[in-house]
Structure formats: structure tokens, C-alpha cells
Amino acid sequence: MDDFARPFPFSAVVGQEEIKLAILLNLVDPSIGGVMISGDRGTGKSTCVRGMVRLLPDIEVVKGDPYNSHPTDVSLMSDEATLEKLYAYSVRAEAEGLAASLFYCFHLLKFCRC
């Protein structure tokens, strides 16, 4: 069975107060940019992170995207997902002659980092 199928409860982790605080702060304010956890073997690093999974809400992601991009917010999409969406809209615009779809394509390109 996958380890993430039944994670250890985050609240049951004893000790490691600094790690737990860092993880919780990052959950509250993702602009922190992540948490680097290091320590000796057996100190509960993986247990804390796996326990955190239960605290997170389910999110919608682009199917098959390795970066779990947001399906509608271009600023939260990977370059690959943005280009895929751009291509789909450009094909639709060409087929249907939609000026609005072309405008959206240019909007996507503005956010694309490629």
C-alpha cells in the first residue's frame, strides 16, 4: 500500500516543534516559498511531511502535468500547461474564427515564461 494512502496524523507527531511550525507557516502563507528540512535518520522528517497531506485541501490540477498546474489560472500554470492551453485555443480560434480566443491566446502568452 502507498505510504500516502494512510499518513500518520500531523497532530500526533511528538517533538520536532520547529519543523511543525515551519510546515504550518508555509501552509498559511505559501509565499514563504517552501521549507527545507534536514536531520539525521529517524528524526521524523518524512512523517511530518506525510502527515501534512491531511491538512491540505484537495485541489484541481491539469491532468498529466508533472507540476500540478492550476487548470484556469495562467499565473499558476507551468510553461508546458500554458503552451498546451494556448495551442488548444489557437486551434479553436482558427476553426471557428473567434477573435476572442485569439485575444485569450495573447493573454496566455503574456504570462508564459518560455
PDB file of N, CA and C in Angstrom:
ATOM      1  N   MET A   1       0.848  -1.192   0.000  1.00  0.00           N
ATOM      2  CA  MET A   1       0.000   0.000   0.000  1.00  0.00           C
ATOM      3  C   MET A   1       0.885   1.243   0.000  1.00  0.00           C
ATOM      4  N   ASP A   2       0.461   2.252  -0.721  1.00  0.00           N
ATOM      5  CA  ASP A   2       1.209   3.502  -0.820  1.00  0.00           C
ATOM      6  C   ASP A   2       1.277   4.190   0.542  1.00  0.00           C
ATOM      7  N   ASP A   3       2.444   4.737   0.886  1.00  0.00           N
ATOM      8  CA  ASP A   3       2.608   5.420   2.172  1.00  0.00           C
ATOM      9  C   ASP A   3       1.664   6.603   2.334  1.00  0.00           C
ATOM     10  N   PHE A   4       1.290   7.250   1.215  1.00  0.00           N
ATOM     11  CA  PHE A   4       0.435   8.423   1.298  1.00  0.00           C
ATOM     12  C   PHE A   4      -1.044   8.047   1.435  1.00  0.00           C
ATOM     13  N   ALA A   5      -1.384   6.767   1.271  1.00  0.00           N
ATOM     14  CA  ALA A   5      -2.772   6.343   1.382  1.00  0.00           C
ATOM     15  C   ALA A   5      -3.262   6.434   2.830  1.00  0.00           C
ATOM     16  N   ARG A   6      -2.383   6.224   3.769  1.00  0.00           N
ATOM     17  CA  ARG A   6      -2.758   6.305   5.184  1.00  0.00           C
ATOM     18  C   ARG A   6      -1.646   7.009   5.970  1.00  0.00           C
ATOM     19  N   PRO A   7      -1.558   8.322   5.838  1.00  0.00           N
ATOM     20  CA  PRO A   7      -0.474   9.046   6.511  1.00  0.00           C
ATOM     21  C   PRO A   7      -0.667   9.116   8.023  1.00  0.00           C
ATOM     22  N   PHE A   8       0.439   9.238   8.694  1.00  0.00           N
ATOM     23  CA  PHE A   8       0.448   9.423  10.143  1.00  0.00           C
ATOM     24  C   PHE A   8      -0.146  10.795  10.434  1.00  0.00           C
ATOM     25  N   PRO A   9      -1.024  10.928  11.418  1.00  0.00           N
ATOM     26  CA  PRO A   9      -1.628  12.242  11.706  1.00  0.00           C
ATOM     27  C   PRO A   9      -0.571  13.274  12.122  1.00  0.00           C
ATOM     28  N   PHE A  10      -0.633  14.440  11.514  1.00  0.00           N
ATOM     29  CA  PHE A  10       0.324  15.510  11.798  1.00  0.00           C
ATOM     30  C   PHE A  10       0.292  15.887  13.277  1.00  0.00           C
ATOM     31  N   SER A  11      -0.891  15.928  13.859  1.00  0.00           N
ATOM     32  CA  SER A  11      -1.013  16.331  15.267  1.00  0.00           C
ATOM     33  C   SER A  11      -0.425  15.300  16.228  1.00  0.00           C
ATOM     34  N   ALA A  12      -0.191  14.077  15.755  1.00  0.00           N
ATOM     35  CA  ALA A  12       0.357  13.023  16.617  1.00  0.00           C
ATOM     36  C   ALA A  12       1.883  13.014  16.653  1.00  0.00           C
ATOM     37  N   VAL A  13       2.526  13.848  15.842  1.00  0.00           N
ATOM     38  CA  VAL A  13       3.987  13.912  15.842  1.00  0.00           C
ATOM     39  C   VAL A  13       4.435  14.575  17.137  1.00  0.00           C
ATOM     40  N   VAL A  14       5.288  13.902  17.882  1.00  0.00           N
ATOM     41  CA  VAL A  14       5.768  14.413  19.163  1.00  0.00           C
ATOM     42  C   VAL A  14       7.154  15.002  18.950  1.00  0.00           C
ATOM     43  N   GLY A  15       7.388  16.172  19.503  1.00  0.00           N
ATOM     44  CA  GLY A  15       8.666  16.848  19.306  1.00  0.00           C
ATOM     45  C   GLY A  15       8.711  17.513  17.943  1.00  0.00           C
ATOM     46  N   GLN A  16       9.901  17.825  17.496  1.00  0.00           N
ATOM     47  CA  GLN A  16      10.100  18.469  16.184  1.00  0.00           C
ATOM     48  C   GLN A  16       9.243  19.730  16.029  1.00  0.00           C
ATOM     49  N   GLU A  17       9.185  20.516  17.083  1.00  0.00           N
ATOM     50  CA  GLU A  17       8.330  21.704  17.080  1.00  0.00           C
ATOM     51  C   GLU A  17       8.736  22.712  15.995  1.00  0.00           C
ATOM     52  N   GLU A  18      10.035  22.845  15.739  1.00  0.00           N
ATOM     53  CA  GLU A  18      10.480  23.797  14.717  1.00  0.00           C
ATOM     54  C   GLU A  18      10.047  23.353  13.324  1.00  0.00           C
ATOM     55  N   ILE A  19      10.140  22.058  13.059  1.00  0.00           N
ATOM     56  CA  ILE A  19       9.714  21.538  11.755  1.00  0.00           C
ATOM     57  C   ILE A  19       8.210  21.731  11.591  1.00  0.00           C
ATOM     58  N   LYS A  20       7.442  21.380  12.622  1.00  0.00           N
ATOM     59  CA  LYS A  20       5.984  21.510  12.542  1.00  0.00           C
ATOM     60  C   LYS A  20       5.578  22.966  12.361  1.00  0.00           C
ATOM     61  N   LEU A  21       6.227  23.875  13.080  1.00  0.00           N
ATOM     62  CA  LEU A  21       5.918  25.294  12.942  1.00  0.00           C
ATOM     63  C   LEU A  21       6.235  25.788  11.534  1.00  0.00           C
ATOM     64  N   ALA A  22       7.382  25.389  10.996  1.00  0.00           N
ATOM     65  CA  ALA A  22       7.768  25.809   9.643  1.00  0.00           C
ATOM     66  C   ALA A  22       6.767  25.308   8.611  1.00  0.00           C
ATOM     67  N   ILE A  23       6.340  24.056   8.747  1.00  0.00           N
ATOM     68  CA  ILE A  23       5.366  23.495   7.805  1.00  0.00           C
ATOM     69  C   ILE A  23       4.033  24.233   7.909  1.00  0.00           C
ATOM     70  N   LEU A  24       3.571  24.470   9.126  1.00  0.00           N
ATOM     71  CA  LEU A  24       2.302  25.180   9.309  1.00  0.00           C
ATOM     72  C   LEU A  24       2.366  26.607   8.779  1.00  0.00           C
ATOM     73  N   LEU A  25       3.474  27.292   9.021  1.00  0.00           N
ATOM     74  CA  LEU A  25       3.617  28.653   8.494  1.00  0.00           C
ATOM     75  C   LEU A  25       3.603  28.658   6.972  1.00  0.00           C
ATOM     76  N   ASN A  26       4.226  27.657   6.368  1.00  0.00           N
ATOM     77  CA  ASN A  26       4.235  27.573   4.912  1.00  0.00           C
ATOM     78  C   ASN A  26       2.848  27.254   4.365  1.00  0.00           C
ATOM     79  N   LEU A  27       2.050  26.495   5.120  1.00  0.00           N
ATOM     80  CA  LEU A  27       0.674  26.224   4.702  1.00  0.00           C
ATOM     81  C   LEU A  27      -0.180  27.481   4.766  1.00  0.00           C
ATOM     82  N   VAL A  28       0.025  28.278   5.802  1.00  0.00           N
ATOM     83  CA  VAL A  28      -0.750  29.511   5.965  1.00  0.00           C
ATOM     84  C   VAL A  28      -0.329  30.560   4.944  1.00  0.00           C
ATOM     85  N   ASP A  29       0.963  30.680   4.684  1.00  0.00           N
ATOM     86  CA  ASP A  29       1.478  31.686   3.755  1.00  0.00           C
ATOM     87  C   ASP A  29       2.427  31.039   2.748  1.00  0.00           C
ATOM     88  N   PRO A  30       1.900  30.536   1.631  1.00  0.00           N
ATOM     89  CA  PRO A  30       2.753  29.862   0.638  1.00  0.00           C
ATOM     90  C   PRO A  30       3.795  30.770  -0.001  1.00  0.00           C
ATOM     91  N   SER A  31       3.658  32.081   0.166  1.00  0.00           N
ATOM     92  CA  SER A  31       4.663  32.981  -0.409  1.00  0.00           C
ATOM     93  C   SER A  31       6.014  32.822   0.298  1.00  0.00           C
ATOM     94  N   ILE A  32       6.040  32.100   1.415  1.00  0.00           N
ATOM     95  CA  ILE A  32       7.304  31.793   2.089  1.00  0.00           C
ATOM     96  C   ILE A  32       8.208  31.041   1.133  1.00  0.00           C
ATOM     97  N   GLY A  33       7.606  30.199   0.298  1.00  0.00           N
ATOM     98  CA  GLY A  33       8.366  29.534  -0.748  1.00  0.00           C
ATOM     99  C   GLY A  33       8.832  28.134  -0.438  1.00  0.00           C
ATOM    100  N   GLY A  34       8.381  27.556   0.656  1.00  0.00           N
ATOM    101  CA  GLY A  34       8.752  26.185   0.961  1.00  0.00           C
ATOM    102  C   GLY A  34       9.554  26.072   2.236  1.00  0.00           C
ATOM    103  N   VAL A  35       9.847  24.844   2.603  1.00  0.00           N
ATOM    104  CA  VAL A  35      10.580  24.553   3.829  1.00  0.00           C
ATOM    105  C   VAL A  35      11.676  23.538   3.498  1.00  0.00           C
ATOM    106  N   MET A  36      12.869  23.803   3.932  1.00  0.00           N
ATOM    107  CA  MET A  36      13.976  22.854   3.785  1.00  0.00           C
ATOM    108  C   MET A  36      14.142  22.146   5.119  1.00  0.00           C
ATOM    109  N   ILE A  37      13.917  20.847   5.110  1.00  0.00           N
ATOM    110  CA  ILE A  37      14.016  20.057   6.337  1.00  0.00           C
ATOM    111  C   ILE A  37      15.228  19.141   6.236  1.00  0.00           C
ATOM    112  N   SER A  38      16.081  19.191   7.244  1.00  0.00           N
ATOM    113  CA  SER A  38      17.229  18.286   7.280  1.00  0.00           C
ATOM    114  C   SER A  38      17.356  17.726   8.687  1.00  0.00           C
ATOM    115  N   GLY A  39      17.982  16.588   8.768  1.00  0.00           N
ATOM    116  CA  GLY A  39      18.175  15.969  10.068  1.00  0.00           C
ATOM    117  C   GLY A  39      18.658  14.547   9.905  1.00  0.00           C
ATOM    118  N   ASP A  40      19.048  13.961  11.009  1.00  0.00           N
ATOM    119  CA  ASP A  40      19.520  12.584  10.998  1.00  0.00           C
ATOM    120  C   ASP A  40      18.387  11.626  10.682  1.00  0.00           C
ATOM    121  N   ARG A  41      18.776  10.439  10.307  1.00  0.00           N
ATOM    122  CA  ARG A  41      17.804   9.398  10.017  1.00  0.00           C
ATOM    123  C   ARG A  41      16.958   9.101  11.265  1.00  0.00           C
ATOM    124  N   GLY A  42      15.639   9.010  11.051  1.00  0.00           N
ATOM    125  CA  GLY A  42      14.749   8.663  12.156  1.00  0.00           C
ATOM    126  C   GLY A  42      14.253   9.832  12.968  1.00  0.00           C
ATOM    127  N   THR A  43      14.459  11.050  12.502  1.00  0.00           N
ATOM    128  CA  THR A  43      14.015  12.206  13.286  1.00  0.00           C
ATOM    129  C   THR A  43      12.595  12.650  12.941  1.00  0.00           C
ATOM    130  N   GLY A  44      11.949  11.981  11.999  1.00  0.00           N
ATOM    131  CA  GLY A  44      10.551  12.290  11.701  1.00  0.00           C
ATOM    132  C   GLY A  44      10.329  13.266  10.572  1.00  0.00           C
ATOM    133  N   LYS A  45      11.325  13.468   9.727  1.00  0.00           N
ATOM    134  CA  LYS A  45      11.185  14.427   8.618  1.00  0.00           C
ATOM    135  C   LYS A  45      10.061  14.010   7.672  1.00  0.00           C
ATOM    136  N   SER A  46      10.131  12.800   7.181  1.00  0.00           N
ATOM    137  CA  SER A  46       9.116  12.306   6.243  1.00  0.00           C
ATOM    138  C   SER A  46       7.762  12.171   6.914  1.00  0.00           C
ATOM    139  N   THR A  47       7.741  11.759   8.166  1.00  0.00           N
ATOM    140  CA  THR A  47       6.487  11.600   8.889  1.00  0.00           C
ATOM    141  C   THR A  47       5.752  12.930   8.997  1.00  0.00           C
ATOM    142  N   CYS A  48       6.473  14.002   9.286  1.00  0.00           N
ATOM    143  CA  CYS A  48       5.855  15.332   9.375  1.00  0.00           C
ATOM    144  C   CYS A  48       5.265  15.752   8.033  1.00  0.00           C
ATOM    145  N   VAL A  49       6.023  15.544   6.971  1.00  0.00           N
ATOM    146  CA  VAL A  49       5.558  15.959   5.654  1.00  0.00           C
ATOM    147  C   VAL A  49       4.370  15.119   5.212  1.00  0.00           C
ATOM    148  N   ARG A  50       4.434  13.813   5.432  1.00  0.00           N
ATOM    149  CA  ARG A  50       3.314  12.947   5.052  1.00  0.00           C
ATOM    150  C   ARG A  50       2.072  13.246   5.882  1.00  0.00           C
ATOM    151  N   GLY A  51       2.260  13.580   7.140  1.00  0.00           N
ATOM    152  CA  GLY A  51       1.128  13.946   7.984  1.00  0.00           C
ATOM    153  C   GLY A  51       0.487  15.255   7.551  1.00  0.00           C
ATOM    154  N   MET A  52       1.258  16.115   6.939  1.00  0.00           N
ATOM    155  CA  MET A  52       0.755  17.406   6.474  1.00  0.00           C
ATOM    156  C   MET A  52      -0.267  17.227   5.357  1.00  0.00           C
ATOM    157  N   VAL A  53      -0.187  16.139   4.602  1.00  0.00           N
ATOM    158  CA  VAL A  53      -1.077  15.914   3.467  1.00  0.00           C
ATOM    159  C   VAL A  53      -2.539  15.980   3.891  1.00  0.00           C
ATOM    160  N   ARG A  54      -2.847  15.483   5.067  1.00  0.00           N
ATOM    161  CA  ARG A  54      -4.232  15.503   5.540  1.00  0.00           C
ATOM    162  C   ARG A  54      -4.718  16.917   5.866  1.00  0.00           C
ATOM    163  N   LEU A  55      -3.816  17.845   6.093  1.00  0.00           N
ATOM    164  CA  LEU A  55      -4.208  19.215   6.413  1.00  0.00           C
ATOM    165  C   LEU A  55      -4.531  20.038   5.169  1.00  0.00           C
ATOM    166  N   LEU A  56      -4.080  19.563   4.023  1.00  0.00           N
ATOM    167  CA  LEU A  56      -4.258  20.313   2.782  1.00  0.00           C
ATOM    168  C   LEU A  56      -5.602  20.017   2.136  1.00  0.00           C
ATOM    169  N   PRO A  57      -6.232  21.034   1.553  1.00  0.00           N
ATOM    170  CA  PRO A  57      -7.473  20.776   0.816  1.00  0.00           C
ATOM    171  C   PRO A  57      -7.159  20.123  -0.528  1.00  0.00           C
ATOM    172  N   ASP A  58      -8.130  19.420  -1.071  1.00  0.00           N
ATOM    173  CA  ASP A  58      -7.967  18.881  -2.416  1.00  0.00           C
ATOM    174  C   ASP A  58      -7.943  20.046  -3.404  1.00  0.00           C
ATOM    175  N   ILE A  59      -7.137  19.918  -4.435  1.00  0.00           N
ATOM    176  CA  ILE A  59      -7.036  20.976  -5.433  1.00  0.00           C
ATOM    177  C   ILE A  59      -7.280  20.405  -6.817  1.00  0.00           C
ATOM    178  N   GLU A  60      -7.748  21.256  -7.709  1.00  0.00           N
ATOM    179  CA  GLU A  60      -7.889  20.869  -9.102  1.00  0.00           C
ATOM    180  C   GLU A  60      -6.561  21.111  -9.792  1.00  0.00           C
ATOM    181  N   VAL A  61      -6.142  20.156 -10.604  1.00  0.00           N
ATOM    182  CA  VAL A  61      -4.888  20.287 -11.326  1.00  0.00           C
ATOM    183  C   VAL A  61      -5.099  19.869 -12.778  1.00  0.00           C
ATOM    184  N   VAL A  62      -4.168  20.277 -13.632  1.00  0.00           N
ATOM    185  CA  VAL A  62      -4.182  19.864 -15.024  1.00  0.00           C
ATOM    186  C   VAL A  62      -3.756  18.403 -15.076  1.00  0.00           C
ATOM    187  N   LYS A  63      -4.599  17.571 -15.657  1.00  0.00           N
ATOM    188  CA  LYS A  63      -4.314  16.135 -15.712  1.00  0.00           C
ATOM    189  C   LYS A  63      -3.048  15.877 -16.525  1.00  0.00           C
ATOM    190  N   GLY A  64      -2.147  15.094 -15.946  1.00  0.00           N
ATOM    191  CA  GLY A  64      -0.924  14.717 -16.626  1.00  0.00           C
ATOM    192  C   GLY A  64       0.205  15.732 -16.526  1.00  0.00           C
ATOM    193  N   ASP A  65      -0.043  16.880 -15.913  1.00  0.00           N
ATOM    194  CA  ASP A  65       1.001  17.898 -15.776  1.00  0.00           C
ATOM    195  C   ASP A  65       1.882  17.549 -14.571  1.00  0.00           C
ATOM    196  N   PRO A  66       3.185  17.401 -14.765  1.00  0.00           N
ATOM    197  CA  PRO A  66       4.049  16.999 -13.649  1.00  0.00           C
ATOM    198  C   PRO A  66       4.180  18.065 -12.562  1.00  0.00           C
ATOM    199  N   TYR A  67       3.759  19.297 -12.843  1.00  0.00           N
ATOM    200  CA  TYR A  67       3.892  20.384 -11.871  1.00  0.00           C
ATOM    201  C   TYR A  67       2.586  20.700 -11.158  1.00  0.00           C
ATOM    202  N   ASN A  68       1.531  19.891 -11.407  1.00  0.00           N
ATOM    203  CA  ASN A  68       0.211  20.122 -10.800  1.00  0.00           C
ATOM    204  C   ASN A  68      -0.290  21.542 -11.024  1.00  0.00           C
ATOM    205  N   SER A  69      -0.223  21.985 -12.249  1.00  0.00           N
ATOM    206  CA  SER A  69      -0.654  23.339 -12.603  1.00  0.00           C
ATOM    207  C   SER A  69      -2.144  23.533 -12.358  1.00  0.00           C
ATOM    208  N   HIS A  70      -2.505  24.780 -12.073  1.00  0.00           N
ATOM    209  CA  HIS A  70      -3.908  25.157 -11.906  1.00  0.00           C
ATOM    210  C   HIS A  70      -4.584  25.102 -13.271  1.00  0.00           C
ATOM    211  N   PRO A  71      -5.810  24.569 -13.361  1.00  0.00           N
ATOM    212  CA  PRO A  71      -6.436  24.415 -14.673  1.00  0.00           C
ATOM    213  C   PRO A  71      -6.919  25.708 -15.321  1.00  0.00           C
ATOM    214  N   THR A  72      -7.136  26.778 -14.548  1.00  0.00           N
ATOM    215  CA  THR A  72      -7.657  28.013 -15.152  1.00  0.00           C
ATOM    216  C   THR A  72      -6.791  29.246 -14.907  1.00  0.00           C
ATOM    217  N   ASP A  73      -6.041  29.294 -13.828  1.00  0.00           N
ATOM    218  CA  ASP A  73      -5.232  30.471 -13.505  1.00  0.00           C
ATOM    219  C   ASP A  73      -3.872  30.361 -14.204  1.00  0.00           C
ATOM    220  N   VAL A  74      -3.690  31.185 -15.216  1.00  0.00           N
ATOM    221  CA  VAL A  74      -2.478  31.114 -16.033  1.00  0.00           C
ATOM    222  C   VAL A  74      -1.222  31.404 -15.215  1.00  0.00           C
ATOM    223  N   SER A  75      -1.327  32.265 -14.223  1.00  0.00           N
ATOM    224  CA  SER A  75      -0.147  32.609 -13.430  1.00  0.00           C
ATOM    225  C   SER A  75       0.325  31.430 -12.567  1.00  0.00           C
ATOM    226  N   LEU A  76      -0.526  30.404 -12.397  1.00  0.00           N
ATOM    227  CA  LEU A  76      -0.168  29.233 -11.608  1.00  0.00           C
ATOM    228  C   LEU A  76       0.048  28.000 -12.480  1.00  0.00           C
ATOM    229  N   MET A  77       0.259  28.216 -13.782  1.00  0.00           N
ATOM    230  CA  MET A  77       0.476  27.103 -14.713  1.00  0.00           C
ATOM    231  C   MET A  77       1.948  26.985 -15.064  1.00  0.00           C
ATOM    232  N   SER A  78       2.360  25.757 -15.326  1.00  0.00           N
ATOM    233  CA  SER A  78       3.706  25.548 -15.842  1.00  0.00           C
ATOM    234  C   SER A  78       3.734  26.007 -17.292  1.00  0.00           C
ATOM    235  N   ASP A  79       4.927  26.193 -17.825  1.00  0.00           N
ATOM    236  CA  ASP A  79       5.049  26.600 -19.228  1.00  0.00           C
ATOM    237  C   ASP A  79       4.412  25.574 -20.155  1.00  0.00           C
ATOM    238  N   GLU A  80       4.585  24.300 -19.832  1.00  0.00           N
ATOM    239  CA  GLU A  80       4.028  23.246 -20.666  1.00  0.00           C
ATOM    240  C   GLU A  80       2.511  23.318 -20.702  1.00  0.00           C
ATOM    241  N   ALA A  81       1.874  23.488 -19.540  1.00  0.00           N
ATOM    242  CA  ALA A  81       0.414  23.576 -19.477  1.00  0.00           C
ATOM    243  C   ALA A  81      -0.081  24.840 -20.176  1.00  0.00           C
ATOM    244  N   THR A  82       0.647  25.941 -20.021  1.00  0.00           N
ATOM    245  CA  THR A  82       0.263  27.189 -20.683  1.00  0.00           C
ATOM    246  C   THR A  82       0.321  27.035 -22.192  1.00  0.00           C
ATOM    247  N   LEU A  83       1.394  26.438 -22.693  1.00  0.00           N
ATOM    248  CA  LEU A  83       1.511  26.251 -24.139  1.00  0.00           C
ATOM    249  C   LEU A  83       0.460  25.290 -24.671  1.00  0.00           C
ATOM    250  N   GLU A  84       0.136  24.262 -23.905  1.00  0.00           N
ATOM    251  CA  GLU A  84      -0.903  23.320 -24.321  1.00  0.00           C
ATOM    252  C   GLU A  84      -2.254  24.016 -24.419  1.00  0.00           C
ATOM    253  N   LYS A  85      -2.550  24.844 -23.429  1.00  0.00           N
ATOM    254  CA  LYS A  85      -3.806  25.601 -23.442  1.00  0.00           C
ATOM    255  C   LYS A  85      -3.809  26.608 -24.586  1.00  0.00           C
ATOM    256  N   LEU A  86      -2.689  27.249 -24.805  1.00  0.00           N
ATOM    257  CA  LEU A  86      -2.552  28.207 -25.901  1.00  0.00           C
ATOM    258  C   LEU A  86      -2.792  27.528 -27.239  1.00  0.00           C
ATOM    259  N   TYR A  87      -2.210  26.357 -27.419  1.00  0.00           N
ATOM    260  CA  TYR A  87      -2.388  25.626 -28.671  1.00  0.00           C
ATOM    261  C   TYR A  87      -3.852  25.253 -28.878  1.00  0.00           C
ATOM    262  N   ALA A  88      -4.511  24.775 -27.810  1.00  0.00           N
ATOM    263  CA  ALA A  88      -5.921  24.388 -27.914  1.00  0.00           C
ATOM    264  C   ALA A  88      -6.784  25.583 -28.302  1.00  0.00           C
ATOM    265  N   TYR A  89      -6.520  26.747 -27.706  1.00  0.00           N
ATOM    266  CA  TYR A  89      -7.296  27.940 -28.045  1.00  0.00           C
ATOM    267  C   TYR A  89      -7.001  28.434 -29.456  1.00  0.00           C
ATOM    268  N   SER A  90      -5.759  28.336 -29.883  1.00  0.00           N
ATOM    269  CA  SER A  90      -5.431  28.798 -31.237  1.00  0.00           C
ATOM    270  C   SER A  90      -6.079  27.908 -32.287  1.00  0.00           C
ATOM    271  N   VAL A  91      -6.135  26.600 -32.040  1.00  0.00           N
ATOM    272  CA  VAL A  91      -6.804  25.686 -32.968  1.00  0.00           C
ATOM    273  C   VAL A  91      -8.290  26.006 -33.023  1.00  0.00           C
ATOM    274  N   ARG A  92      -8.885  26.246 -31.857  1.00  0.00           N
ATOM    275  CA  ARG A  92     -10.311  26.590 -31.795  1.00  0.00           C
ATOM    276  C   ARG A  92     -10.583  27.913 -32.508  1.00  0.00           C
ATOM    277  N   ALA A  93      -9.709  28.884 -32.294  1.00  0.00           N
ATOM    278  CA  ALA A  93      -9.896  30.192 -32.926  1.00  0.00           C
ATOM    279  C   ALA A  93      -9.807  30.078 -34.439  1.00  0.00           C
ATOM    280  N   GLU A  94      -8.871  29.278 -34.897  1.00  0.00           N
ATOM    281  CA  GLU A  94      -8.707  29.107 -36.341  1.00  0.00           C
ATOM    282  C   GLU A  94      -9.911  28.392 -36.941  1.00  0.00           C
ATOM    283  N   ALA A  95     -10.408  27.382 -36.241  1.00  0.00           N
ATOM    284  CA  ALA A  95     -11.539  26.610 -36.749  1.00  0.00           C
ATOM    285  C   ALA A  95     -12.834  27.407 -36.748  1.00  0.00           C
ATOM    286  N   GLU A  96     -13.025  28.215 -35.721  1.00  0.00           N
ATOM    287  CA  GLU A  96     -14.290  28.931 -35.570  1.00  0.00           C
ATOM    288  C   GLU A  96     -14.196  30.410 -35.919  1.00  0.00           C
ATOM    289  N   GLY A  97     -12.991  30.888 -36.156  1.00  0.00           N
ATOM    290  CA  GLY A  97     -12.826  32.303 -36.474  1.00  0.00           C
ATOM    291  C   GLY A  97     -13.166  33.219 -35.314  1.00  0.00           C
ATOM    292  N   LEU A  98     -12.807  32.818 -34.122  1.00  0.00           N
ATOM    293  CA  LEU A  98     -13.152  33.600 -32.931  1.00  0.00           C
ATOM    294  C   LEU A  98     -12.041  34.581 -32.567  1.00  0.00           C
ATOM    295  N   ALA A  99     -12.344  35.851 -32.632  1.00  0.00           N
ATOM    296  CA  ALA A  99     -11.370  36.869 -32.250  1.00  0.00           C
ATOM    297  C   ALA A  99     -11.104  36.830 -30.748  1.00  0.00           C
ATOM    298  N   ALA A 100     -12.135  36.496 -29.959  1.00  0.00           N
ATOM    299  CA  ALA A 100     -11.968  36.453 -28.501  1.00  0.00           C
ATOM    300  C   ALA A 100     -10.953  35.385 -28.103  1.00  0.00           C
ATOM    301  N   SER A 101     -10.958  34.240 -28.789  1.00  0.00           N
ATOM    302  CA  SER A 101      -9.998  33.188 -28.473  1.00  0.00           C
ATOM    303  C   SER A 101      -8.582  33.626 -28.807  1.00  0.00           C
ATOM    304  N   LEU A 102      -8.420  34.366 -29.903  1.00  0.00           N
ATOM    305  CA  LEU A 102      -7.093  34.881 -30.239  1.00  0.00           C
ATOM    306  C   LEU A 102      -6.614  35.867 -29.193  1.00  0.00           C
ATOM    307  N   PHE A 103      -7.531  36.718 -28.708  1.00  0.00           N
ATOM    308  CA  PHE A 103      -7.173  37.655 -27.650  1.00  0.00           C
ATOM    309  C   PHE A 103      -6.713  36.888 -26.414  1.00  0.00           C
ATOM    310  N   TYR A 104      -7.426  35.792 -26.078  1.00  0.00           N
ATOM    311  CA  TYR A 104      -7.043  34.992 -24.917  1.00  0.00           C
ATOM    312  C   TYR A 104      -5.683  34.337 -25.134  1.00  0.00           C
ATOM    313  N   CYS A 105      -5.382  33.942 -26.358  1.00  0.00           N
ATOM    314  CA  CYS A 105      -4.067  33.368 -26.667  1.00  0.00           C
ATOM    315  C   CYS A 105      -2.962  34.367 -26.361  1.00  0.00           C
ATOM    316  N   PHE A 106      -3.158  35.618 -26.748  1.00  0.00           N
ATOM    317  CA  PHE A 106      -2.157  36.641 -26.465  1.00  0.00           C
ATOM    318  C   PHE A 106      -2.051  36.892 -24.962  1.00  0.00           C
ATOM    319  N   HIS A 107      -3.185  36.797 -24.268  1.00  0.00           N
ATOM    320  CA  HIS A 107      -3.187  36.938 -22.808  1.00  0.00           C
ATOM    321  C   HIS A 107      -2.354  35.827 -22.173  1.00  0.00           C
ATOM    322  N   LEU A 108      -2.505  34.594 -22.671  1.00  0.00           N
ATOM    323  CA  LEU A 108      -1.717  33.477 -22.157  1.00  0.00           C
ATOM    324  C   LEU A 108      -0.235  33.682 -22.420  1.00  0.00           C
ATOM    325  N   LEU A 109       0.094  34.168 -23.604  1.00  0.00           N
ATOM    326  CA  LEU A 109       1.499  34.390 -23.935  1.00  0.00           C
ATOM    327  C   LEU A 109       2.149  35.411 -23.019  1.00  0.00           C
ATOM    328  N   LYS A 110       1.376  36.374 -22.564  1.00  0.00           N
ATOM    329  CA  LYS A 110       1.904  37.396 -21.665  1.00  0.00           C
ATOM    330  C   LYS A 110       2.414  36.776 -20.371  1.00  0.00           C
ATOM    331  N   PHE A 111       1.735  35.717 -19.895  1.00  0.00           N
ATOM    332  CA  PHE A 111       2.128  35.080 -18.639  1.00  0.00           C
ATOM    333  C   PHE A 111       3.124  33.936 -18.839  1.00  0.00           C
ATOM    334  N   CYS A 112       3.260  33.474 -20.061  1.00  0.00           N
ATOM    335  CA  CYS A 112       4.155  32.351 -20.331  1.00  0.00           C
ATOM    336  C   CYS A 112       5.607  32.781 -20.160  1.00  0.00           C
ATOM    337  N   ARG A 113       6.386  31.962 -19.493  1.00  0.00           N
ATOM    338  CA  ARG A 113       7.781  32.300 -19.220  1.00  0.00           C
ATOM    339  C   ARG A 113       8.715  31.632 -20.210  1.00  0.00           C
ATOM    340  N   CYS A 114       8.169  31.176 -21.349  1.00  0.00           N
ATOM    341  CA  CYS A 114       9.007  30.446 -22.293  1.00  0.00           C
ATOM    342  C   CYS A 114       9.394  31.309 -23.475  1.00  0.00           C
TER     343      CYS A 114
END
